Every structure is written in C-alpha cells, then in structure tokens.
Amino acid sequence: MEKPVVAEKHPAHLTLEPGNYFWCACGRSANQPFCDGSHRGTGITPLEFKIDETREVWLCQCKYSANKPYCDGSHRAL
C-alpha cells in the first residue's frame, strides 16, 4: 500500500450540513478534503463520516492525523 500524499499542511475549516461525507485519505483528490476517486490503485480508501447537525469542522489535509478525518495538528511535524 502506498503512503498518502500531503495535500496541504493546514486543515480545511468548513461548515458542513447534515449528511454522509467521504474524506480523502490518499491526498490525491482534486476536491480536497473530499474524495474524488483518485485513490483507485493506491490501496488507500476514503473514510466515510457522518455529520448529524450543521457544524464547523477542521478536516485534516496532511493525511497523517491520528483523529481522521479531523485535524489533530500532525501537519506541524511534517
């Protein structure tokens, strides 16, 4: 399995509406931080997560957070 590509060294600050989302785990998506299917053939799969009510989130874009899909500050060490 390949290692993820660092898409950005900062989180994406977003307000998300209720629903299911697919977070890009490979770093190759052109639609960061969400999956666009670019992971095919890498052995890395996107992470599905659910938002129950409208809220602000900080989604990881370095792909190395221990709290995926949310940022834990891991990008500071890269």
C-alpha atoms as a PDB file:
ATOM      1  CA  MET A   1       0.000   0.000   0.000  1.00  0.00           C
ATOM      2  CA  GLU A   2       1.253   3.464  -0.870  1.00  0.00           C
ATOM      3  CA  LYS A   3       1.675   6.265   1.653  1.00  0.00           C
ATOM      4  CA  PRO A   4      -0.714   9.212   1.464  1.00  0.00           C
ATOM      5  CA  VAL A   5       0.352  12.398  -0.298  1.00  0.00           C
ATOM      6  CA  VAL A   6       0.312  15.549   1.856  1.00  0.00           C
ATOM      7  CA  ALA A   7      -2.371  17.658   0.149  1.00  0.00           C
ATOM      8  CA  GLU A   8      -1.863  20.719   2.400  1.00  0.00           C
ATOM      9  CA  LYS A   9      -0.006  21.445   5.632  1.00  0.00           C
ATOM     10  CA  HIS A  10      -3.062  23.036   7.230  1.00  0.00           C
ATOM     11  CA  PRO A  11      -6.593  21.825   7.966  1.00  0.00           C
ATOM     12  CA  ALA A  12      -9.680  22.728   5.945  1.00  0.00           C
ATOM     13  CA  HIS A  13     -12.038  24.862   8.045  1.00  0.00           C
ATOM     14  CA  LEU A  14     -15.569  24.121   6.812  1.00  0.00           C
ATOM     15  CA  THR A  15     -19.193  24.378   7.876  1.00  0.00           C
ATOM     16  CA  LEU A  16     -20.849  21.088   6.970  1.00  0.00           C
ATOM     17  CA  GLU A  17     -24.550  20.353   6.682  1.00  0.00           C
ATOM     18  CA  PRO A  18     -26.007  17.067   7.968  1.00  0.00           C
ATOM     19  CA  GLY A  19     -25.140  14.112   5.754  1.00  0.00           C
ATOM     20  CA  ASN A  20     -22.554  11.474   4.898  1.00  0.00           C
ATOM     21  CA  TYR A  21     -19.176  12.549   3.548  1.00  0.00           C
ATOM     22  CA  PHE A  22     -16.135  10.744   2.140  1.00  0.00           C
ATOM     23  CA  TRP A  23     -12.840  12.195   3.350  1.00  0.00           C
ATOM     24  CA  CYS A  24      -9.866  11.785   1.003  1.00  0.00           C
ATOM     25  CA  ALA A  25      -7.265   9.600   2.749  1.00  0.00           C
ATOM     26  CA  CYS A  26      -4.805   9.361  -0.149  1.00  0.00           C
ATOM     27  CA  GLY A  27      -4.153  13.087  -0.686  1.00  0.00           C
ATOM     28  CA  ARG A  28      -4.602  12.822  -4.469  1.00  0.00           C
ATOM     29  CA  SER A  29      -8.133  14.221  -4.784  1.00  0.00           C
ATOM     30  CA  ALA A  30      -8.593  17.489  -6.677  1.00  0.00           C
ATOM     31  CA  ASN A  31     -11.598  18.102  -4.405  1.00  0.00           C
ATOM     32  CA  GLN A  32      -9.730  18.261  -1.050  1.00  0.00           C
ATOM     33  CA  PRO A  33     -10.529  17.340   1.616  1.00  0.00           C
ATOM     34  CA  PHE A  34     -13.153  15.127  -0.010  1.00  0.00           C
ATOM     35  CA  CYS A  35     -12.695  12.062  -2.206  1.00  0.00           C
ATOM     36  CA  ASP A  36     -12.985  12.295  -5.999  1.00  0.00           C
ATOM     37  CA  GLY A  37     -11.936   8.692  -6.743  1.00  0.00           C
ATOM     38  CA  SER A  38      -8.235   9.450  -7.328  1.00  0.00           C
ATOM     39  CA  HIS A  39      -7.280   6.763  -4.777  1.00  0.00           C
ATOM     40  CA  ARG A  40      -8.000   3.939  -7.217  1.00  0.00           C
ATOM     41  CA  GLY A  41      -5.000   1.655  -7.488  1.00  0.00           C
ATOM     42  CA  THR A  42      -3.226   3.041  -4.392  1.00  0.00           C
ATOM     43  CA  GLY A  43      -4.552   0.603  -1.788  1.00  0.00           C
ATOM     44  CA  ILE A  44      -5.827   3.605   0.197  1.00  0.00           C
ATOM     45  CA  THR A  45      -9.563   4.041   0.639  1.00  0.00           C
ATOM     46  CA  PRO A  46     -11.557   7.128   1.645  1.00  0.00           C
ATOM     47  CA  LEU A  47     -13.062   7.416   5.104  1.00  0.00           C
ATOM     48  CA  GLU A  48     -16.836   7.831   5.318  1.00  0.00           C
ATOM     49  CA  PHE A  49     -18.067  10.017   8.169  1.00  0.00           C
ATOM     50  CA  LYS A  50     -21.445  11.391   9.190  1.00  0.00           C
ATOM     51  CA  ILE A  51     -22.467  14.860  10.340  1.00  0.00           C
ATOM     52  CA  ASP A  52     -25.730  14.882  12.330  1.00  0.00           C
ATOM     53  CA  GLU A  53     -26.244  18.654  12.577  1.00  0.00           C
ATOM     54  CA  THR A  54     -24.770  21.704  10.874  1.00  0.00           C
ATOM     55  CA  ARG A  55     -21.400  22.460  12.447  1.00  0.00           C
ATOM     56  CA  GLU A  56     -17.921  23.800  11.871  1.00  0.00           C
ATOM     57  CA  VAL A  57     -15.140  21.261  11.408  1.00  0.00           C
ATOM     58  CA  TRP A  58     -11.395  21.302  10.845  1.00  0.00           C
ATOM     59  CA  LEU A  59     -10.636  18.437   8.452  1.00  0.00           C
ATOM     60  CA  CYS A  60      -7.129  17.042   8.087  1.00  0.00           C
ATOM     61  CA  GLN A  61      -5.427  17.687   4.757  1.00  0.00           C
ATOM     62  CA  CYS A  62      -1.959  16.364   5.614  1.00  0.00           C
ATOM     63  CA  LYS A  63      -3.494  12.851   5.862  1.00  0.00           C
ATOM     64  CA  TYR A  64      -1.447  11.909   8.956  1.00  0.00           C
ATOM     65  CA  SER A  65      -3.869  12.843  11.768  1.00  0.00           C
ATOM     66  CA  ALA A  66      -4.464  10.214  14.442  1.00  0.00           C
ATOM     67  CA  ASN A  67      -8.061  11.511  14.641  1.00  0.00           C
ATOM     68  CA  LYS A  68      -9.066  11.153  10.971  1.00  0.00           C
ATOM     69  CA  PRO A  69     -10.875  12.888   9.342  1.00  0.00           C
ATOM     70  CA  TYR A  70     -10.343  15.678  11.879  1.00  0.00           C
ATOM     71  CA  CYS A  71      -7.116  17.627  12.297  1.00  0.00           C
ATOM     72  CA  ASP A  72      -5.004  16.865  15.368  1.00  0.00           C
ATOM     73  CA  GLY A  73      -2.066  19.146  14.491  1.00  0.00           C
ATOM     74  CA  SER A  74       0.079  16.400  12.911  1.00  0.00           C
ATOM     75  CA  HIS A  75       0.805  18.710   9.964  1.00  0.00           C
ATOM     76  CA  ARG A  76       3.115  20.773  12.218  1.00  0.00           C
ATOM     77  CA  ALA A  77       5.601  17.875  12.352  1.00  0.00           C
ATOM     78  CA  LEU A  78       5.795  17.353   8.582  1.00  0.00           C
END
